[in-house]
PDB file of N, CA and C in Angstrom:
ATOM      1  N   MET A   1      38.752 -92.185  50.881  1.00  0.00           N
ATOM      2  CA  MET A   1      38.337 -93.516  50.398  1.00  0.00           C
ATOM      3  C   MET A   1      36.723 -93.965  51.005  1.00  0.00           C
ATOM      4  N   LYS A   2      36.219 -94.242  49.812  1.00  0.00           N
ATOM      5  CA  LYS A   2      34.713 -94.857  49.902  1.00  0.00           C
ATOM      6  C   LYS A   2      34.900 -96.008  50.425  1.00  0.00           C
ATOM      7  N   LYS A   3      33.393 -95.773  51.718  1.00  0.00           N
ATOM      8  CA  LYS A   3      33.390 -97.117  52.734  1.00  0.00           C
ATOM      9  C   LYS A   3      32.048 -97.394  52.671  1.00  0.00           C
ATOM     10  N   ILE A   4      32.949 -98.981  51.489  1.00  0.00           N
ATOM     11  CA  ILE A   4      31.512-100.342  52.091  1.00  0.00           C
ATOM     12  C   ILE A   4      31.200-101.038  52.444  1.00  0.00           C
ATOM     13  N   LEU A   5      30.035-101.186  52.922  1.00  0.00           N
ATOM     14  CA  LEU A   5      29.569-102.483  53.640  1.00  0.00           C
ATOM     15  C   LEU A   5      29.327-103.393  53.020  1.00  0.00           C
ATOM     16  N   ILE A   6      30.171-104.840  53.304  1.00  0.00           N
ATOM     17  CA  ILE A   6      29.458-105.877  53.016  1.00  0.00           C
ATOM     18  C   ILE A   6      28.766-106.932  53.895  1.00  0.00           C
ATOM     19  N   VAL A   7      28.317-107.859  53.463  1.00  0.00           N
ATOM     20  CA  VAL A   7      26.828-107.693  54.416  1.00  0.00           C
ATOM     21  C   VAL A   7      26.513-109.730  53.784  1.00  0.00           C
ATOM     22  N   GLU A   8      27.746-110.715  54.017  1.00  0.00           N
ATOM     23  CA  GLU A   8      27.738-111.687  53.702  1.00  0.00           C
ATOM     24  C   GLU A   8      28.519-112.452  54.540  1.00  0.00           C
ATOM     25  N   ASP A   9      27.407-113.840  54.603  1.00  0.00           N
ATOM     26  CA  ASP A   9      28.005-114.679  55.738  1.00  0.00           C
ATOM     27  C   ASP A   9      28.837-115.892  54.951  1.00  0.00           C
ATOM     28  N   ASN A  10      28.956-116.303  53.863  1.00  0.00           N
ATOM     29  CA  ASN A  10      29.701-116.897  53.206  1.00  0.00           C
ATOM     30  C   ASN A  10      31.095-116.204  52.728  1.00  0.00           C
ATOM     31  N   ASP A  11      32.345-116.848  53.682  1.00  0.00           N
ATOM     32  CA  ASP A  11      33.968-116.740  53.762  1.00  0.00           C
ATOM     33  C   ASP A  11      34.659-116.297  52.274  1.00  0.00           C
ATOM     34  N   LEU A  12      34.301-117.875  51.372  1.00  0.00           N
ATOM     35  CA  LEU A  12      34.589-117.185  50.202  1.00  0.00           C
ATOM     36  C   LEU A  12      34.318-116.131  49.335  1.00  0.00           C
ATOM     37  N   ASN A  13      32.654-116.093  49.380  1.00  0.00           N
ATOM     38  CA  ASN A  13      32.493-114.465  48.883  1.00  0.00           C
ATOM     39  C   ASN A  13      32.793-113.737  49.371  1.00  0.00           C
ATOM     40  N   VAL A  14      32.852-113.718  51.026  1.00  0.00           N
ATOM     41  CA  VAL A  14      33.449-112.387  51.332  1.00  0.00           C
ATOM     42  C   VAL A  14      35.508-111.659  50.835  1.00  0.00           C
ATOM     43  N   ASP A  15      36.093-113.058  50.838  1.00  0.00           N
ATOM     44  CA  ASP A  15      37.277-113.608  50.868  1.00  0.00           C
ATOM     45  C   ASP A  15      37.487-112.312  49.091  1.00  0.00           C
ATOM     46  N   LEU A  16      36.421-112.597  48.196  1.00  0.00           N
ATOM     47  CA  LEU A  16      36.564-112.740  46.837  1.00  0.00           C
ATOM     48  C   LEU A  16      36.340-111.496  46.781  1.00  0.00           C
ATOM     49  N   LEU A  17      35.240-110.963  47.105  1.00  0.00           N
ATOM     50  CA  LEU A  17      34.733-109.334  47.099  1.00  0.00           C
ATOM     51  C   LEU A  17      36.008-108.101  48.202  1.00  0.00           C
ATOM     52  N   GLU A  18      36.818-109.423  49.381  1.00  0.00           N
ATOM     53  CA  GLU A  18      37.664-108.678  49.951  1.00  0.00           C
ATOM     54  C   GLU A  18      39.293-108.077  48.837  1.00  0.00           C
ATOM     55  N   GLN A  19      39.683-109.148  48.061  1.00  0.00           N
ATOM     56  CA  GLN A  19      40.468-109.325  47.267  1.00  0.00           C
ATOM     57  C   GLN A  19      40.220-108.453  45.392  1.00  0.00           C
ATOM     58  N   LEU A  20      38.938-107.810  45.482  1.00  0.00           N
ATOM     59  CA  LEU A  20      38.311-107.566  44.581  1.00  0.00           C
ATOM     60  C   LEU A  20      38.723-105.877  44.681  1.00  0.00           C
ATOM     61  N   LEU A  21      38.011-105.628  46.293  1.00  0.00           N
ATOM     62  CA  LEU A  21      38.046-104.133  46.863  1.00  0.00           C
ATOM     63  C   LEU A  21      39.171-102.882  47.117  1.00  0.00           C
ATOM     64  N   GLU A  22      39.940-104.049  48.282  1.00  0.00           N
ATOM     65  CA  GLU A  22      40.361-103.874  49.572  1.00  0.00           C
ATOM     66  C   GLU A  22      41.559-102.910  49.239  1.00  0.00           C
ATOM     67  N   ASP A  23      41.492-102.487  47.991  1.00  0.00           N
ATOM     68  CA  ASP A  23      42.470-101.026  47.086  1.00  0.00           C
ATOM     69  C   ASP A  23      42.487-100.086  46.880  1.00  0.00           C
ATOM     70  N   GLU A  24      41.059 -99.545  46.566  1.00  0.00           N
ATOM     71  CA  GLU A  24      39.963 -98.628  46.417  1.00  0.00           C
ATOM     72  C   GLU A  24      39.166 -97.984  47.264  1.00  0.00           C
ATOM     73  N   TYR A  25      39.144 -99.092  48.585  1.00  0.00           N
ATOM     74  CA  TYR A  25      37.459 -98.241  49.250  1.00  0.00           C
ATOM     75  C   TYR A  25      37.963 -99.593  50.153  1.00  0.00           C
ATOM     76  N   GLU A  26      37.434 -98.472  51.710  1.00  0.00           N
ATOM     77  CA  GLU A  26      37.834 -98.922  52.740  1.00  0.00           C
ATOM     78  C   GLU A  26      36.124 -99.792  53.348  1.00  0.00           C
ATOM     79  N   LEU A  27      36.738-101.205  53.696  1.00  0.00           N
ATOM     80  CA  LEU A  27      35.513-102.610  53.724  1.00  0.00           C
ATOM     81  C   LEU A  27      35.180-102.885  55.245  1.00  0.00           C
ATOM     82  N   PHE A  28      34.448-102.238  55.661  1.00  0.00           N
ATOM     83  CA  PHE A  28      33.490-103.011  56.572  1.00  0.00           C
ATOM     84  C   PHE A  28      32.660-104.916  56.206  1.00  0.00           C
ATOM     85  N   ILE A  29      32.588-105.494  57.604  1.00  0.00           N
ATOM     86  CA  ILE A  29      32.201-107.092  57.007  1.00  0.00           C
ATOM     87  C   ILE A  29      30.930-106.966  58.201  1.00  0.00           C
ATOM     88  N   ALA A  30      29.732-107.310  57.354  1.00  0.00           N
ATOM     89  CA  ALA A  30      29.259-108.391  58.727  1.00  0.00           C
ATOM     90  C   ALA A  30      28.922-109.617  58.036  1.00  0.00           C
ATOM     91  N   ASN A  31      28.059-110.635  58.819  1.00  0.00           N
ATOM     92  CA  ASN A  31      28.362-111.389  58.846  1.00  0.00           C
ATOM     93  C   ASN A  31      26.746-112.448  58.388  1.00  0.00           C
ATOM     94  N   ASN A  32      25.857-111.081  59.236  1.00  0.00           N
ATOM     95  CA  ASN A  32      24.220-112.109  59.700  1.00  0.00           C
ATOM     96  C   ASN A  32      23.728-110.408  59.366  1.00  0.00           C
ATOM     97  N   GLY A  33      22.717-110.657  58.810  1.00  0.00           N
ATOM     98  CA  GLY A  33      21.474-108.878  58.658  1.00  0.00           C
ATOM     99  C   GLY A  33      21.500-108.490  59.785  1.00  0.00           C
ATOM    100  N   ALA A  34      21.683-108.957  60.993  1.00  0.00           N
ATOM    101  CA  ALA A  34      21.201-107.951  62.724  1.00  0.00           C
ATOM    102  C   ALA A  34      22.685-107.197  62.345  1.00  0.00           C
ATOM    103  N   ASP A  35      23.794-107.496  62.209  1.00  0.00           N
ATOM    104  CA  ASP A  35      24.909-107.255  62.317  1.00  0.00           C
ATOM    105  C   ASP A  35      24.835-106.293  61.243  1.00  0.00           C
ATOM    106  N   GLY A  36      24.661-106.602  60.288  1.00  0.00           N
ATOM    107  CA  GLY A  36      24.379-105.533  58.801  1.00  0.00           C
ATOM    108  C   GLY A  36      23.922-103.577  58.753  1.00  0.00           C
ATOM    109  N   VAL A  37      22.783-104.079  60.177  1.00  0.00           N
ATOM    110  CA  VAL A  37      21.891-103.063  60.350  1.00  0.00           C
ATOM    111  C   VAL A  37      22.851-102.415  61.604  1.00  0.00           C
ATOM    112  N   GLU A  38      23.590-103.041  62.217  1.00  0.00           N
ATOM    113  CA  GLU A  38      24.014-102.473  63.288  1.00  0.00           C
ATOM    114  C   GLU A  38      25.212-101.808  62.762  1.00  0.00           C
ATOM    115  N   MET A  39      26.023-102.403  61.818  1.00  0.00           N
ATOM    116  CA  MET A  39      27.202-101.855  61.225  1.00  0.00           C
ATOM    117  C   MET A  39      26.690-100.782  60.329  1.00  0.00           C
ATOM    118  N   ALA A  40      25.940-100.488  59.794  1.00  0.00           N
ATOM    119  CA  ALA A  40      25.227 -99.893  58.593  1.00  0.00           C
ATOM    120  C   ALA A  40      25.123 -98.310  59.655  1.00  0.00           C
ATOM    121  N   THR A  41      24.341 -98.460  60.628  1.00  0.00           N
ATOM    122  CA  THR A  41      24.385 -97.419  61.980  1.00  0.00           C
ATOM    123  C   THR A  41      25.699 -96.729  62.244  1.00  0.00           C
ATOM    124  N   GLN A  42      26.449 -98.017  62.697  1.00  0.00           N
ATOM    125  CA  GLN A  42      27.642 -97.153  63.533  1.00  0.00           C
ATOM    126  C   GLN A  42      29.000 -96.621  62.117  1.00  0.00           C
ATOM    127  N   LYS A  43      28.603 -97.469  60.879  1.00  0.00           N
ATOM    128  CA  LYS A  43      29.877 -96.710  60.193  1.00  0.00           C
ATOM    129  C   LYS A  43      29.569 -95.739  59.259  1.00  0.00           C
ATOM    130  N   ARG A  44      28.462 -95.905  59.032  1.00  0.00           N
ATOM    131  CA  ARG A  44      27.326 -94.971  57.735  1.00  0.00           C
ATOM    132  C   ARG A  44      28.712 -95.326  56.672  1.00  0.00           C
ATOM    133  N   PRO A  45      28.301 -96.884  55.429  1.00  0.00           N
ATOM    134  CA  PRO A  45      29.172 -96.616  54.872  1.00  0.00           C
ATOM    135  C   PRO A  45      28.635 -95.953  53.388  1.00  0.00           C
ATOM    136  N   ASP A  46      29.115 -95.326  52.361  1.00  0.00           N
ATOM    137  CA  ASP A  46      28.909 -95.051  51.133  1.00  0.00           C
ATOM    138  C   ASP A  46      27.910 -95.854  50.376  1.00  0.00           C
ATOM    139  N   LEU A  47      28.570 -97.163  50.570  1.00  0.00           N
ATOM    140  CA  LEU A  47      26.964 -98.338  49.612  1.00  0.00           C
ATOM    141  C   LEU A  47      26.890 -99.043  50.477  1.00  0.00           C
ATOM    142  N   ILE A  48      26.488-100.330  50.380  1.00  0.00           N
ATOM    143  CA  ILE A  48      26.139-101.433  51.197  1.00  0.00           C
ATOM    144  C   ILE A  48      25.986-102.552  50.135  1.00  0.00           C
ATOM    145  N   LEU A  49      26.982-104.041  50.085  1.00  0.00           N
ATOM    146  CA  LEU A  49      26.242-105.025  49.729  1.00  0.00           C
ATOM    147  C   LEU A  49      26.021-106.206  49.647  1.00  0.00           C
ATOM    148  N   MET A  50      24.608-106.022  49.812  1.00  0.00           N
ATOM    149  CA  MET A  50      23.230-107.429  50.770  1.00  0.00           C
ATOM    150  C   MET A  50      23.294-108.605  50.269  1.00  0.00           C
ATOM    151  N   ASP A  51      23.798-109.976  50.559  1.00  0.00           N
ATOM    152  CA  ASP A  51      23.708-111.057  50.567  1.00  0.00           C
ATOM    153  C   ASP A  51      22.255-111.030  51.151  1.00  0.00           C
ATOM    154  N   ILE A  52      21.306-112.045  49.979  1.00  0.00           N
ATOM    155  CA  ILE A  52      19.468-111.943  50.138  1.00  0.00           C
ATOM    156  C   ILE A  52      19.610-112.865  51.095  1.00  0.00           C
ATOM    157  N   SER A  53      20.214-114.092  51.486  1.00  0.00           N
ATOM    158  CA  SER A  53      20.195-115.835  52.568  1.00  0.00           C
ATOM    159  C   SER A  53      21.276-115.231  53.402  1.00  0.00           C
ATOM    160  N   LEU A  54      20.665-114.916  54.324  1.00  0.00           N
ATOM    161  CA  LEU A  54      21.702-114.355  55.545  1.00  0.00           C
ATOM    162  C   LEU A  54      21.032-115.187  56.896  1.00  0.00           C
ATOM    163  N   PRO A  55      21.806-115.681  58.022  1.00  0.00           N
ATOM    164  CA  PRO A  55      21.577-116.080  58.829  1.00  0.00           C
ATOM    165  C   PRO A  55      20.691-114.689  59.871  1.00  0.00           C
ATOM    166  N   ILE A  56      19.857-115.138  60.906  1.00  0.00           N
ATOM    167  CA  ILE A  56      19.410-114.444  62.053  1.00  0.00           C
ATOM    168  C   ILE A  56      18.097-113.092  61.327  1.00  0.00           C
ATOM    169  N   MET A  57      19.025-112.342  60.232  1.00  0.00           N
ATOM    170  CA  MET A  57      18.125-111.968  59.229  1.00  0.00           C
ATOM    171  C   MET A  57      18.122-111.041  58.374  1.00  0.00           C
ATOM    172  N   ASP A  58      17.211-111.992  57.198  1.00  0.00           N
ATOM    173  CA  ASP A  58      17.809-111.723  55.808  1.00  0.00           C
ATOM    174  C   ASP A  58      17.657-111.125  55.327  1.00  0.00           C
ATOM    175  N   GLY A  59      18.740-110.240  54.254  1.00  0.00           N
ATOM    176  CA  GLY A  59      18.646-109.551  53.692  1.00  0.00           C
ATOM    177  C   GLY A  59      18.094-108.510  53.290  1.00  0.00           C
ATOM    178  N   HIS A  60      16.285-108.585  52.655  1.00  0.00           N
ATOM    179  CA  HIS A  60      15.340-108.569  52.449  1.00  0.00           C
ATOM    180  C   HIS A  60      14.834-107.190  54.008  1.00  0.00           C
ATOM    181  N   GLU A  61      15.188-108.188  54.729  1.00  0.00           N
ATOM    182  CA  GLU A  61      14.538-107.558  56.014  1.00  0.00           C
ATOM    183  C   GLU A  61      15.784-106.544  56.511  1.00  0.00           C
ATOM    184  N   ALA A  62      16.919-106.786  56.630  1.00  0.00           N
ATOM    185  CA  ALA A  62      17.987-105.892  56.392  1.00  0.00           C
ATOM    186  C   ALA A  62      17.740-104.744  56.294  1.00  0.00           C
ATOM    187  N   THR A  63      17.471-104.613  54.534  1.00  0.00           N
ATOM    188  CA  THR A  63      17.623-103.430  54.372  1.00  0.00           C
ATOM    189  C   THR A  63      16.392-103.625  54.219  1.00  0.00           C
ATOM    190  N   ARG A  64      15.415-103.348  54.391  1.00  0.00           N
ATOM    191  CA  ARG A  64      13.828-103.278  55.082  1.00  0.00           C
ATOM    192  C   ARG A  64      14.576-101.854  56.364  1.00  0.00           C
ATOM    193  N   ARG A  65      15.235-102.192  57.344  1.00  0.00           N
ATOM    194  CA  ARG A  65      15.345-101.671  58.491  1.00  0.00           C
ATOM    195  C   ARG A  65      16.674-100.700  57.794  1.00  0.00           C
ATOM    196  N   ILE A  66      17.365-100.823  57.103  1.00  0.00           N
ATOM    197  CA  ILE A  66      18.267 -99.940  56.748  1.00  0.00           C
ATOM    198  C   ILE A  66      17.517 -98.291  55.760  1.00  0.00           C
ATOM    199  N   LYS A  67      16.424 -98.729  55.012  1.00  0.00           N
ATOM    200  CA  LYS A  67      16.186 -97.808  54.375  1.00  0.00           C
ATOM    201  C   LYS A  67      14.923 -97.201  55.082  1.00  0.00           C
ATOM    202  N   ALA A  68      14.743 -97.768  56.327  1.00  0.00           N
ATOM    203  CA  ALA A  68      13.798 -97.226  57.616  1.00  0.00           C
ATOM    204  C   ALA A  68      13.744 -96.056  57.646  1.00  0.00           C
ATOM    205  N   MET A  69      15.410 -95.874  58.267  1.00  0.00           N
ATOM    206  CA  MET A  69      16.006 -94.807  58.390  1.00  0.00           C
ATOM    207  C   MET A  69      16.637 -93.486  58.660  1.00  0.00           C
ATOM    208  N   ALA A  70      16.074 -92.227  58.341  1.00  0.00           N
ATOM    209  CA  ALA A  70      16.559 -90.992  57.787  1.00  0.00           C
ATOM    210  C   ALA A  70      17.630 -91.415  57.234  1.00  0.00           C
ATOM    211  N   GLU A  71      18.554 -91.429  58.291  1.00  0.00           N
ATOM    212  CA  GLU A  71      19.819 -91.026  58.409  1.00  0.00           C
ATOM    213  C   GLU A  71      20.466 -91.774  57.533  1.00  0.00           C
ATOM    214  N   LEU A  72      20.402 -93.453  57.105  1.00  0.00           N
ATOM    215  CA  LEU A  72      20.827 -94.378  56.600  1.00  0.00           C
ATOM    216  C   LEU A  72      20.071 -94.327  54.879  1.00  0.00           C
ATOM    217  N   GLU A  73      18.492 -93.819  54.744  1.00  0.00           N
ATOM    218  CA  GLU A  73      17.787 -94.549  53.952  1.00  0.00           C
ATOM    219  C   GLU A  73      19.352 -93.609  52.145  1.00  0.00           C
ATOM    220  N   HIS A  74      19.854 -93.251  52.278  1.00  0.00           N
ATOM    221  CA  HIS A  74      20.030 -92.552  51.043  1.00  0.00           C
ATOM    222  C   HIS A  74      21.415 -93.509  50.878  1.00  0.00           C
ATOM    223  N   ILE A  75      21.550 -94.446  51.497  1.00  0.00           N
ATOM    224  CA  ILE A  75      23.085 -95.180  51.205  1.00  0.00           C
ATOM    225  C   ILE A  75      22.479 -95.962  49.837  1.00  0.00           C
ATOM    226  N   PRO A  76      23.037 -96.619  48.849  1.00  0.00           N
ATOM    227  CA  PRO A  76      22.537 -97.088  47.885  1.00  0.00           C
ATOM    228  C   PRO A  76      23.357 -99.138  48.841  1.00  0.00           C
ATOM    229  N   ILE A  77      22.095 -99.641  48.226  1.00  0.00           N
ATOM    230  CA  ILE A  77      22.323-101.123  48.522  1.00  0.00           C
ATOM    231  C   ILE A  77      21.665-102.299  46.926  1.00  0.00           C
ATOM    232  N   ILE A  78      23.289-102.934  47.548  1.00  0.00           N
ATOM    233  CA  ILE A  78      23.188-103.610  45.604  1.00  0.00           C
ATOM    234  C   ILE A  78      22.727-105.408  46.968  1.00  0.00           C
ATOM    235  N   ALA A  79      21.847-105.621  46.246  1.00  0.00           N
ATOM    236  CA  ALA A  79      21.560-107.063  46.780  1.00  0.00           C
ATOM    237  C   ALA A  79      22.527-108.280  45.712  1.00  0.00           C
ATOM    238  N   LEU A  80      23.121-108.713  46.441  1.00  0.00           N
ATOM    239  CA  LEU A  80      24.301-109.814  46.311  1.00  0.00           C
ATOM    240  C   LEU A  80      23.458-111.010  46.563  1.00  0.00           C
ATOM    241  N   THR A  81      23.023-111.943  45.166  1.00  0.00           N
ATOM    242  CA  THR A  81      22.314-112.857  45.589  1.00  0.00           C
ATOM    243  C   THR A  81      22.452-114.618  44.532  1.00  0.00           C
ATOM    244  N   ALA A  82      22.048-115.964  44.761  1.00  0.00           N
ATOM    245  CA  ALA A  82      22.211-116.720  43.955  1.00  0.00           C
ATOM    246  C   ALA A  82      21.383-117.103  42.972  1.00  0.00           C
ATOM    247  N   HIS A  83      19.897-116.488  44.099  1.00  0.00           N
ATOM    248  CA  HIS A  83      18.787-115.892  43.722  1.00  0.00           C
ATOM    249  C   HIS A  83      18.660-115.626  42.068  1.00  0.00           C
ATOM    250  N   ALA A  84      18.311-116.553  41.050  1.00  0.00           N
ATOM    251  CA  ALA A  84      18.597-115.342  39.544  1.00  0.00           C
ATOM    252  C   ALA A  84      16.959-115.249  38.781  1.00  0.00           C
ATOM    253  N   MET A  85      16.370-115.638  39.740  1.00  0.00           N
ATOM    254  CA  MET A  85      14.674-115.262  38.722  1.00  0.00           C
ATOM    255  C   MET A  85      14.562-113.923  39.118  1.00  0.00           C
ATOM    256  N   ASN A  86      13.714-113.855  38.099  1.00  0.00           N
ATOM    257  CA  ASN A  86      13.201-112.052  38.109  1.00  0.00           C
ATOM    258  C   ASN A  86      12.470-111.834  39.478  1.00  0.00           C
ATOM    259  N   SER A  87      11.672-113.081  39.908  1.00  0.00           N
ATOM    260  CA  SER A  87      10.593-112.780  40.763  1.00  0.00           C
ATOM    261  C   SER A  87      12.348-112.402  42.371  1.00  0.00           C
ATOM    262  N   ASP A  88      13.278-112.833  41.758  1.00  0.00           N
ATOM    263  CA  ASP A  88      13.739-112.975  43.066  1.00  0.00           C
ATOM    264  C   ASP A  88      14.366-110.999  43.080  1.00  0.00           C
ATOM    265  N   GLU A  89      14.697-111.051  41.778  1.00  0.00           N
ATOM    266  CA  GLU A  89      14.764-109.167  41.859  1.00  0.00           C
ATOM    267  C   GLU A  89      13.534-108.709  42.359  1.00  0.00           C
ATOM    268  N   GLU A  90      12.312-108.688  41.915  1.00  0.00           N
ATOM    269  CA  GLU A  90      11.511-107.921  42.654  1.00  0.00           C
ATOM    270  C   GLU A  90      11.379-107.612  43.906  1.00  0.00           C
ATOM    271  N   LYS A  91      11.318-108.988  44.512  1.00  0.00           N
ATOM    272  CA  LYS A  91      11.888-108.806  46.128  1.00  0.00           C
ATOM    273  C   LYS A  91      12.611-108.000  46.801  1.00  0.00           C
ATOM    274  N   ALA A  92      13.854-108.225  45.870  1.00  0.00           N
ATOM    275  CA  ALA A  92      15.162-107.465  46.195  1.00  0.00           C
ATOM    276  C   ALA A  92      14.782-105.856  46.360  1.00  0.00           C
ATOM    277  N   ARG A  93      14.191-105.713  45.374  1.00  0.00           N
ATOM    278  CA  ARG A  93      13.632-104.270  45.312  1.00  0.00           C
ATOM    279  C   ARG A  93      12.430-103.589  45.952  1.00  0.00           C
ATOM    280  N   ALA A  94      11.563-104.300  46.218  1.00  0.00           N
ATOM    281  CA  ALA A  94      10.892-104.522  46.787  1.00  0.00           C
ATOM    282  C   ALA A  94      10.557-104.073  48.510  1.00  0.00           C
ATOM    283  N   ALA A  95      11.710-104.525  48.546  1.00  0.00           N
ATOM    284  CA  ALA A  95      12.534-104.760  50.528  1.00  0.00           C
ATOM    285  C   ALA A  95      13.457-103.129  50.734  1.00  0.00           C
ATOM    286  N   GLY A  96      14.030-102.631  48.924  1.00  0.00           N
ATOM    287  CA  GLY A  96      14.230-101.116  49.346  1.00  0.00           C
ATOM    288  C   GLY A  96      16.001-100.910  48.498  1.00  0.00           C
ATOM    289  N   CYS A  97      16.473-102.308  47.733  1.00  0.00           N
ATOM    290  CA  CYS A  97      17.235-102.392  47.222  1.00  0.00           C
ATOM    291  C   CYS A  97      17.275-101.499  45.774  1.00  0.00           C
ATOM    292  N   ASP A  98      18.817-100.744  46.127  1.00  0.00           N
ATOM    293  CA  ASP A  98      18.715 -99.875  44.873  1.00  0.00           C
ATOM    294  C   ASP A  98      18.788-101.322  43.359  1.00  0.00           C
ATOM    295  N   ASP A  99      19.872-102.231  43.522  1.00  0.00           N
ATOM    296  CA  ASP A  99      20.088-102.781  42.386  1.00  0.00           C
ATOM    297  C   ASP A  99      20.473-104.416  42.931  1.00  0.00           C
ATOM    298  N   PHE A 100      20.492-104.893  41.753  1.00  0.00           N
ATOM    299  CA  PHE A 100      20.675-106.360  42.265  1.00  0.00           C
ATOM    300  C   PHE A 100      21.742-107.511  41.574  1.00  0.00           C
ATOM    301  N   MET A 101      22.513-107.787  41.598  1.00  0.00           N
ATOM    302  CA  MET A 101      23.574-108.902  40.824  1.00  0.00           C
ATOM    303  C   MET A 101      23.343-110.752  41.428  1.00  0.00           C
ATOM    304  N   THR A 102      23.790-111.285  40.654  1.00  0.00           N
ATOM    305  CA  THR A 102      23.251-112.071  41.011  1.00  0.00           C
ATOM    306  C   THR A 102      24.591-113.385  40.796  1.00  0.00           C
ATOM    307  N   LYS A 103      24.410-113.963  41.508  1.00  0.00           N
ATOM    308  CA  LYS A 103      26.626-114.990  41.720  1.00  0.00           C
ATOM    309  C   LYS A 103      26.383-116.315  41.001  1.00  0.00           C
ATOM    310  N   PRO A 104      27.614-116.317  40.803  1.00  0.00           N
ATOM    311  CA  PRO A 104      28.854-116.103  40.597  1.00  0.00           C
ATOM    312  C   PRO A 104      28.687-114.457  40.045  1.00  0.00           C
ATOM    313  N   LEU A 105      29.409-112.900  40.966  1.00  0.00           N
ATOM    314  CA  LEU A 105      29.803-111.554  40.694  1.00  0.00           C
ATOM    315  C   LEU A 105      30.022-111.778  38.985  1.00  0.00           C
ATOM    316  N   ASP A 106      30.285-111.255  38.451  1.00  0.00           N
ATOM    317  CA  ASP A 106      31.139-110.820  37.412  1.00  0.00           C
ATOM    318  C   ASP A 106      31.663-109.444  37.663  1.00  0.00           C
ATOM    319  N   ASP A 107      33.134-109.475  37.613  1.00  0.00           N
ATOM    320  CA  ASP A 107      33.634-108.435  38.196  1.00  0.00           C
ATOM    321  C   ASP A 107      33.209-107.140  37.309  1.00  0.00           C
ATOM    322  N   ASP A 108      33.499-107.236  36.226  1.00  0.00           N
ATOM    323  CA  ASP A 108      34.095-105.914  35.824  1.00  0.00           C
ATOM    324  C   ASP A 108      31.948-105.435  35.654  1.00  0.00           C
ATOM    325  N   LEU A 109      30.584-105.832  35.564  1.00  0.00           N
ATOM    326  CA  LEU A 109      29.403-105.251  36.508  1.00  0.00           C
ATOM    327  C   LEU A 109      29.609-104.279  37.744  1.00  0.00           C
ATOM    328  N   LEU A 110      30.396-105.299  38.404  1.00  0.00           N
ATOM    329  CA  LEU A 110      30.011-105.291  40.123  1.00  0.00           C
ATOM    330  C   LEU A 110      30.530-104.130  40.133  1.00  0.00           C
ATOM    331  N   PHE A 111      32.184-103.895  38.955  1.00  0.00           N
ATOM    332  CA  PHE A 111      32.869-101.894  39.090  1.00  0.00           C
ATOM    333  C   PHE A 111      32.013-101.101  37.899  1.00  0.00           C
ATOM    334  N   GLU A 112      31.124-101.328  37.694  1.00  0.00           N
ATOM    335  CA  GLU A 112      30.389-100.404  36.629  1.00  0.00           C
ATOM    336  C   GLU A 112      28.952-100.329  37.811  1.00  0.00           C
ATOM    337  N   LYS A 113      28.966-100.907  38.712  1.00  0.00           N
ATOM    338  CA  LYS A 113      27.777-100.970  39.963  1.00  0.00           C
ATOM    339  C   LYS A 113      28.351 -99.629  40.624  1.00  0.00           C
ATOM    340  N   LEU A 114      29.454 -99.585  41.109  1.00  0.00           N
ATOM    341  CA  LEU A 114      30.112 -99.382  42.037  1.00  0.00           C
ATOM    342  C   LEU A 114      30.587 -97.822  41.428  1.00  0.00           C
ATOM    343  N   ASP A 115      30.978 -97.428  40.379  1.00  0.00           N
ATOM    344  CA  ASP A 115      31.369 -96.766  40.199  1.00  0.00           C
ATOM    345  C   ASP A 115      30.419 -95.489  39.490  1.00  0.00           C
ATOM    346  N   HIS A 116      28.654 -96.168  39.215  1.00  0.00           N
ATOM    347  CA  HIS A 116      27.519 -95.661  39.030  1.00  0.00           C
ATOM    348  C   HIS A 116      26.996 -94.914  40.186  1.00  0.00           C
ATOM    349  N   TYR A 117      27.283 -95.562  41.374  1.00  0.00           N
ATOM    350  CA  TYR A 117      27.071 -95.118  42.673  1.00  0.00           C
ATOM    351  C   TYR A 117      27.615 -94.499  43.361  1.00  0.00           C
ATOM    352  N   LEU A 118      28.553 -94.793  43.396  1.00  0.00           N
ATOM    353  CA  LEU A 118      29.637 -94.205  44.635  1.00  0.00           C
ATOM    354  C   LEU A 118      30.515 -92.610  43.597  1.00  0.00           C
ATOM    355  N   ASP A 119      30.404 -92.734  42.257  1.00  0.00           N
ATOM    356  CA  ASP A 119      31.602 -91.609  41.840  1.00  0.00           C
ATOM    357  C   ASP A 119      30.576 -90.788  40.800  1.00  0.00           C
ATOM    358  N   GLY A 120      29.381 -91.482  40.595  1.00  0.00           N
ATOM    359  CA  GLY A 120      28.448 -90.990  39.071  1.00  0.00           C
ATOM    360  C   GLY A 120      27.494 -89.291  39.500  1.00  0.00           C
TER     361      GLY A 120
END
């Protein structure tokens, strides 16, 4: 079973993602960017769903730190954010995110992206 790390501080968003994904993927949850970096190091997920607005360390910095580690740099990171401006996507990609989705999430698009990165 493929492993997904969800780095998200909003409980409602975590619950939604768990409901959508728990039957097909092994899930790990981190509630802030610093824990996300630590959990990525420990669990070695196959993909990371990274919120951008996080406490302690934001998603940009967490992504930069994960992508800076040779043993983790190959892990696809999809940014999840309520910020939908083109500049927000550019910042996320500049930090190292492989893809970008806005909230509220489009379930079908999420599954398309997961299929692309995990099964493609």
